[in-house]
């Protein structure tokens, strides 16, 4: 243990988790449980991060959807790996000639993963940053800043609705599911709320602005303001006046 940190009793930790662990998410109990279960009550940060991902049902659900869409189909088509629907398990019907042969497969896969991360991950990160810039660093649904809540890339038309990797946008344009025209920036909270069933496009557009203005003027009218005066004030042409004026 770090010499600058004093140890404390197990009863204190019990009291904390039972009486003082206020939460806005499940992060604290996941981290504490993982550390309590780890040798010496210590765990690398990257391993704790993996624990958080494994307890994030939304993240796991997205990964499961990816698994069942592409790796499952491709590996079965190549007659390499298969999915047992009854047991809901993937399996490799392989018989290695030696342990060295097995290790060769593991090493080659590690190298392929590393090469992909070096070549593709920076491109994905660059595109992600570009889209955040376009969104002004805000969620395009609720407007929260990236400094307040993490932002995600969301597919307007979900991947689940893609056919052969392509989707049809609202204007019937057919694009790849990962095409920038099918991507929007949502914070983690809005992204979870949207889920894969929704195809709502939160990005700015003439139709969205028109709808927003119309709804705003309706609210102004209900509050007793003259909608035309409110619109004129918004265009810096006049003062909206008082309700009912």
Protein backbone atom coordinates (compact mmCIF):
# COMPACT_ATOMS: atom_id res chain seq x y z
CA UNK A 1 0.00 0.00 0.00
CA UNK A 2 1.12 3.58 -0.66
CA UNK A 3 3.00 4.70 2.47
CA UNK A 4 1.26 8.08 2.35
CA UNK A 5 -2.21 6.52 2.68
CA UNK A 6 -3.38 5.25 6.05
CA UNK A 7 -5.31 2.01 6.16
CA UNK A 8 -8.85 1.92 7.53
CA UNK A 9 -11.12 -0.75 8.97
CA UNK A 10 -13.48 -2.98 7.06
CA UNK A 11 -16.35 -1.62 9.18
CA UNK A 12 -15.70 1.84 7.75
CA UNK A 13 -16.01 0.48 4.21
CA UNK A 14 -19.19 -1.41 5.16
CA UNK A 15 -20.62 1.82 6.60
CA UNK A 16 -19.71 3.72 3.44
CA UNK A 17 -21.30 1.29 0.99
CA UNK A 18 -24.44 0.90 3.12
CA UNK A 19 -25.03 4.47 4.29
CA UNK A 20 -22.98 7.01 2.36
CA UNK A 21 -22.59 5.77 -1.22
CA UNK A 22 -24.87 8.23 -3.04
CA UNK A 23 -24.84 7.51 -6.76
CA UNK A 24 -25.85 9.01 -10.09
CA UNK A 25 -24.52 5.87 -11.81
CA UNK A 26 -23.25 2.43 -10.83
CA UNK A 27 -19.57 3.38 -11.02
CA UNK A 28 -18.73 3.41 -7.29
CA UNK A 29 -20.08 -0.04 -6.37
CA UNK A 30 -18.55 -1.57 -9.51
CA UNK A 31 -15.10 -0.15 -8.67
CA UNK A 32 -15.29 -1.07 -4.98
CA UNK A 33 -16.51 -4.60 -5.71
CA UNK A 34 -13.73 -5.14 -8.27
CA UNK A 35 -11.05 -3.86 -5.87
CA UNK A 36 -12.34 -5.94 -2.95
CA UNK A 37 -12.20 -9.03 -5.19
CA UNK A 38 -8.70 -8.26 -6.53
CA UNK A 39 -5.45 -9.62 -5.02
CA UNK A 40 -4.17 -7.15 -2.44
CA UNK A 41 -7.26 -5.00 -3.16
CA UNK A 42 -5.38 -3.43 -6.06
CA UNK A 43 -6.19 -3.37 -9.78
CA UNK A 44 -4.78 -1.56 -12.80
CA UNK A 45 -6.82 1.39 -14.03
CA UNK A 46 -7.32 -0.19 -17.46
CA UNK A 47 -8.73 -3.34 -15.80
CA UNK A 48 -11.12 -1.25 -13.71
CA UNK A 49 -12.21 0.53 -16.88
CA UNK A 50 -13.03 -2.86 -18.40
CA UNK A 51 -15.11 -3.69 -15.32
CA UNK A 52 -17.11 -0.50 -15.82
CA UNK A 53 -17.76 -1.41 -19.45
CA UNK A 54 -18.88 -4.91 -18.50
CA UNK A 55 -21.43 -3.43 -16.09
CA UNK A 56 -22.72 -0.90 -18.60
CA UNK A 57 -25.73 -2.69 -20.10
CA UNK A 58 -25.94 -0.14 -22.91
CA UNK A 59 -22.30 -0.64 -23.92
CA UNK A 60 -22.62 -4.41 -23.63
CA UNK A 61 -25.79 -4.31 -25.71
CA UNK A 62 -24.08 -2.34 -28.46
CA UNK A 63 -21.13 -4.74 -28.46
CA UNK A 64 -23.50 -7.72 -28.57
CA UNK A 65 -25.31 -6.20 -31.55
CA UNK A 66 -22.00 -5.75 -33.36
CA UNK A 67 -20.97 -9.32 -32.53
CA UNK A 68 -24.19 -10.81 -33.89
CA UNK A 69 -24.20 -8.70 -37.07
CA UNK A 70 -20.73 -9.01 -38.54
CA UNK A 71 -18.27 -11.40 -36.81
CA UNK A 72 -20.97 -14.04 -36.43
CA UNK A 73 -21.92 -13.97 -40.12
CA UNK A 74 -18.40 -13.64 -41.50
CA UNK A 75 -16.77 -16.36 -39.39
CA UNK A 76 -19.64 -18.78 -39.98
CA UNK A 77 -19.49 -18.11 -43.72
CA UNK A 78 -15.76 -18.87 -43.65
CA UNK A 79 -16.53 -22.02 -41.62
CA UNK A 80 -14.25 -20.88 -38.78
CA UNK A 81 -16.51 -20.09 -35.80
CA UNK A 82 -20.16 -20.95 -35.21
CA UNK A 83 -23.05 -19.89 -32.98
CA UNK A 84 -25.08 -22.45 -31.03
CA UNK A 85 -28.58 -20.99 -30.84
CA UNK A 86 -29.77 -23.46 -28.23
CA UNK A 87 -26.90 -22.73 -25.83
CA UNK A 88 -26.41 -19.14 -27.03
CA UNK A 89 -22.68 -19.77 -27.29
CA UNK A 90 -19.99 -19.28 -29.92
CA UNK A 91 -17.53 -22.09 -30.48
CA UNK A 92 -14.51 -23.06 -32.57
CA UNK A 93 -14.62 -26.69 -33.77
CA UNK A 94 -10.84 -26.73 -33.86
CA UNK A 95 -8.37 -29.44 -32.84
CA UNK A 96 -4.83 -28.08 -32.42
CA UNK A 97 -1.89 -30.31 -33.24
CA UNK A 98 0.14 -28.69 -30.46
CA UNK A 99 0.09 -25.92 -27.88
CA UNK A 100 2.58 -24.03 -30.08
CA UNK A 101 -0.03 -24.01 -32.85
CA UNK A 102 -2.58 -22.52 -30.46
CA UNK A 103 -0.09 -19.89 -29.30
CA UNK A 104 0.63 -19.01 -32.94
CA UNK A 105 -3.05 -18.24 -33.50
CA UNK A 106 -3.16 -16.07 -30.35
CA UNK A 107 0.00 -14.19 -31.34
CA UNK A 108 -1.23 -13.58 -34.88
CA UNK A 109 -4.57 -12.27 -33.59
CA UNK A 110 -2.79 -9.95 -31.15
CA UNK A 111 -0.67 -8.59 -34.01
CA UNK A 112 -3.75 -8.06 -36.19
CA UNK A 113 -5.53 -6.19 -33.36
CA UNK A 114 -2.46 -4.03 -32.76
CA UNK A 115 -2.11 -3.19 -36.47
CA UNK A 116 -5.78 -2.23 -36.68
CA UNK A 117 -5.51 0.02 -33.61
CA UNK A 118 -2.49 1.81 -35.07
CA UNK A 119 -4.04 2.28 -38.52
CA UNK A 120 -7.78 2.67 -37.94
CA UNK A 121 -8.25 3.94 -34.39
CA UNK A 122 -6.65 7.36 -35.13
CA UNK A 123 -8.96 7.78 -38.13
CA UNK A 124 -12.01 6.98 -36.01
CA UNK A 125 -10.84 9.38 -33.32
CA UNK A 126 -10.23 12.10 -35.93
CA UNK A 127 -13.71 11.70 -37.39
CA UNK A 128 -15.22 11.64 -33.91
CA UNK A 129 -13.49 14.94 -33.07
CA UNK A 130 -14.57 16.44 -36.39
CA UNK A 131 -18.22 15.62 -35.68
CA UNK A 132 -17.95 17.06 -32.16
CA UNK A 133 -16.57 20.27 -33.67
CA UNK A 134 -19.50 20.43 -36.10
CA UNK A 135 -21.87 19.99 -33.13
CA UNK A 136 -20.14 22.80 -31.26
CA UNK A 137 -18.98 20.43 -28.53
CA UNK A 138 -22.58 19.83 -27.44
CA UNK A 139 -25.14 17.06 -27.47
CA UNK A 140 -27.37 17.69 -30.48
CA UNK A 141 -30.42 16.61 -28.48
CA UNK A 142 -30.20 18.33 -25.08
CA UNK A 143 -27.32 20.75 -25.71
CA UNK A 144 -25.17 19.64 -22.77
CA UNK A 145 -21.46 20.40 -23.14
CA UNK A 146 -18.84 17.67 -23.55
CA UNK A 147 -17.16 19.02 -20.41
CA UNK A 148 -20.30 18.16 -18.43
CA UNK A 149 -21.20 14.77 -19.88
CA UNK A 150 -19.34 12.44 -22.29
CA UNK A 151 -20.47 12.52 -25.92
CA UNK A 152 -21.12 9.56 -28.22
CA UNK A 153 -21.42 9.11 -31.97
CA UNK A 154 -24.98 7.91 -32.56
CA UNK A 155 -26.32 6.33 -35.72
CA UNK A 156 -29.53 8.15 -36.74
CA UNK A 157 -30.68 5.00 -38.51
CA UNK A 158 -29.44 2.27 -36.12
CA UNK A 159 -27.06 -0.42 -37.29
CA UNK A 160 -29.74 -3.01 -36.54
CA UNK A 161 -31.77 -1.61 -39.43
CA UNK A 162 -28.88 -1.82 -41.90
CA UNK A 163 -29.09 -4.25 -44.81
CA UNK A 164 -25.72 -5.38 -46.12
CA UNK A 165 -24.22 -2.46 -44.21
CA UNK A 166 -26.44 0.21 -45.83
CA UNK A 167 -29.44 2.27 -44.67
CA UNK A 168 -31.91 4.64 -46.34
CA UNK A 169 -32.05 8.16 -44.92
CA UNK A 170 -35.28 10.14 -44.63
CA UNK A 171 -34.74 11.62 -48.10
CA UNK A 172 -34.36 8.00 -49.37
CA UNK A 173 -30.64 8.48 -50.01
CA UNK A 174 -28.92 5.11 -49.55
CA UNK A 175 -25.66 5.39 -47.60
CA UNK A 176 -23.36 3.16 -45.60
CA UNK A 177 -24.52 2.89 -42.00
CA UNK A 178 -21.29 4.59 -40.83
CA UNK A 179 -21.56 7.40 -43.38
CA UNK A 180 -21.25 10.83 -41.76
CA UNK A 181 -24.74 11.70 -43.03
CA UNK A 182 -26.08 9.03 -40.68
CA UNK A 183 -24.14 10.13 -37.62
CA UNK A 184 -25.03 12.62 -34.91
CA UNK A 185 -23.51 13.62 -31.58
CA UNK A 186 -25.48 12.70 -28.46
CA UNK A 187 -24.45 12.70 -24.83
CA UNK A 188 -24.42 9.33 -23.08
CA UNK A 189 -27.75 10.05 -21.36
CA UNK A 190 -29.59 11.00 -24.56
CA UNK A 191 -27.98 8.16 -26.49
CA UNK A 192 -29.24 5.63 -23.97
CA UNK A 193 -32.68 7.20 -24.02
CA UNK A 194 -32.86 7.08 -27.82
CA UNK A 195 -31.89 3.40 -28.05
CA UNK A 196 -31.84 1.39 -31.26
CA UNK A 197 -35.58 1.57 -31.94
CA UNK A 198 -35.60 5.32 -32.67
CA UNK A 199 -34.52 6.94 -35.94
CA UNK A 200 -35.00 10.53 -34.76
CA UNK A 201 -32.48 12.98 -36.20
CA UNK A 202 -31.54 15.63 -33.62
CA UNK A 203 -29.15 17.53 -35.89
CA UNK A 204 -29.95 21.11 -36.96
CA UNK A 205 -31.95 21.43 -40.18
CA UNK A 206 -34.38 23.87 -41.78
CA UNK A 207 -37.30 21.64 -40.78
CA UNK A 208 -36.08 21.41 -37.18
CA UNK A 209 -35.64 25.19 -36.94
CA UNK A 210 -39.09 25.78 -38.45
CA UNK A 211 -40.69 23.39 -35.99
CA UNK A 212 -38.83 24.98 -33.06
CA UNK A 213 -39.93 28.48 -34.05
CA UNK A 214 -43.53 27.36 -34.53
CA UNK A 215 -43.66 25.67 -31.12
CA UNK A 216 -42.01 28.68 -29.48
CA UNK A 217 -44.57 31.06 -30.97
CA UNK A 218 -47.39 28.77 -29.81
CA UNK A 219 -46.00 28.88 -26.28
CA UNK A 220 -45.72 32.67 -26.50
CA UNK A 221 -49.38 32.91 -27.59
CA UNK A 222 -50.49 30.64 -24.73
CA UNK A 223 -48.59 32.90 -22.32
CA UNK A 224 -50.48 35.93 -23.63
CA UNK A 225 -47.86 37.41 -25.93
CA UNK A 226 -48.47 38.45 -29.51
CA UNK A 227 -46.56 35.83 -31.57
CA UNK A 228 -45.81 38.37 -34.30
CA UNK A 229 -44.33 40.79 -31.77
CA UNK A 230 -42.20 38.00 -30.30
CA UNK A 231 -40.96 37.05 -33.76
CA UNK A 232 -40.21 40.68 -34.59
CA UNK A 233 -38.26 41.03 -31.33
CA UNK A 234 -36.29 37.90 -32.16
CA UNK A 235 -35.34 39.57 -35.45
CA UNK A 236 -34.31 42.71 -33.52
CA UNK A 237 -37.16 44.70 -35.02
CA UNK A 238 -39.17 45.54 -31.91
CA UNK A 239 -39.81 44.80 -28.22
CA UNK A 240 -42.30 41.97 -27.62
CA UNK A 241 -44.22 44.05 -25.09
CA UNK A 242 -46.24 42.69 -22.17
CA UNK A 243 -48.62 39.70 -22.20
CA UNK A 244 -51.91 40.67 -23.81
CA UNK A 245 -50.55 43.95 -25.12
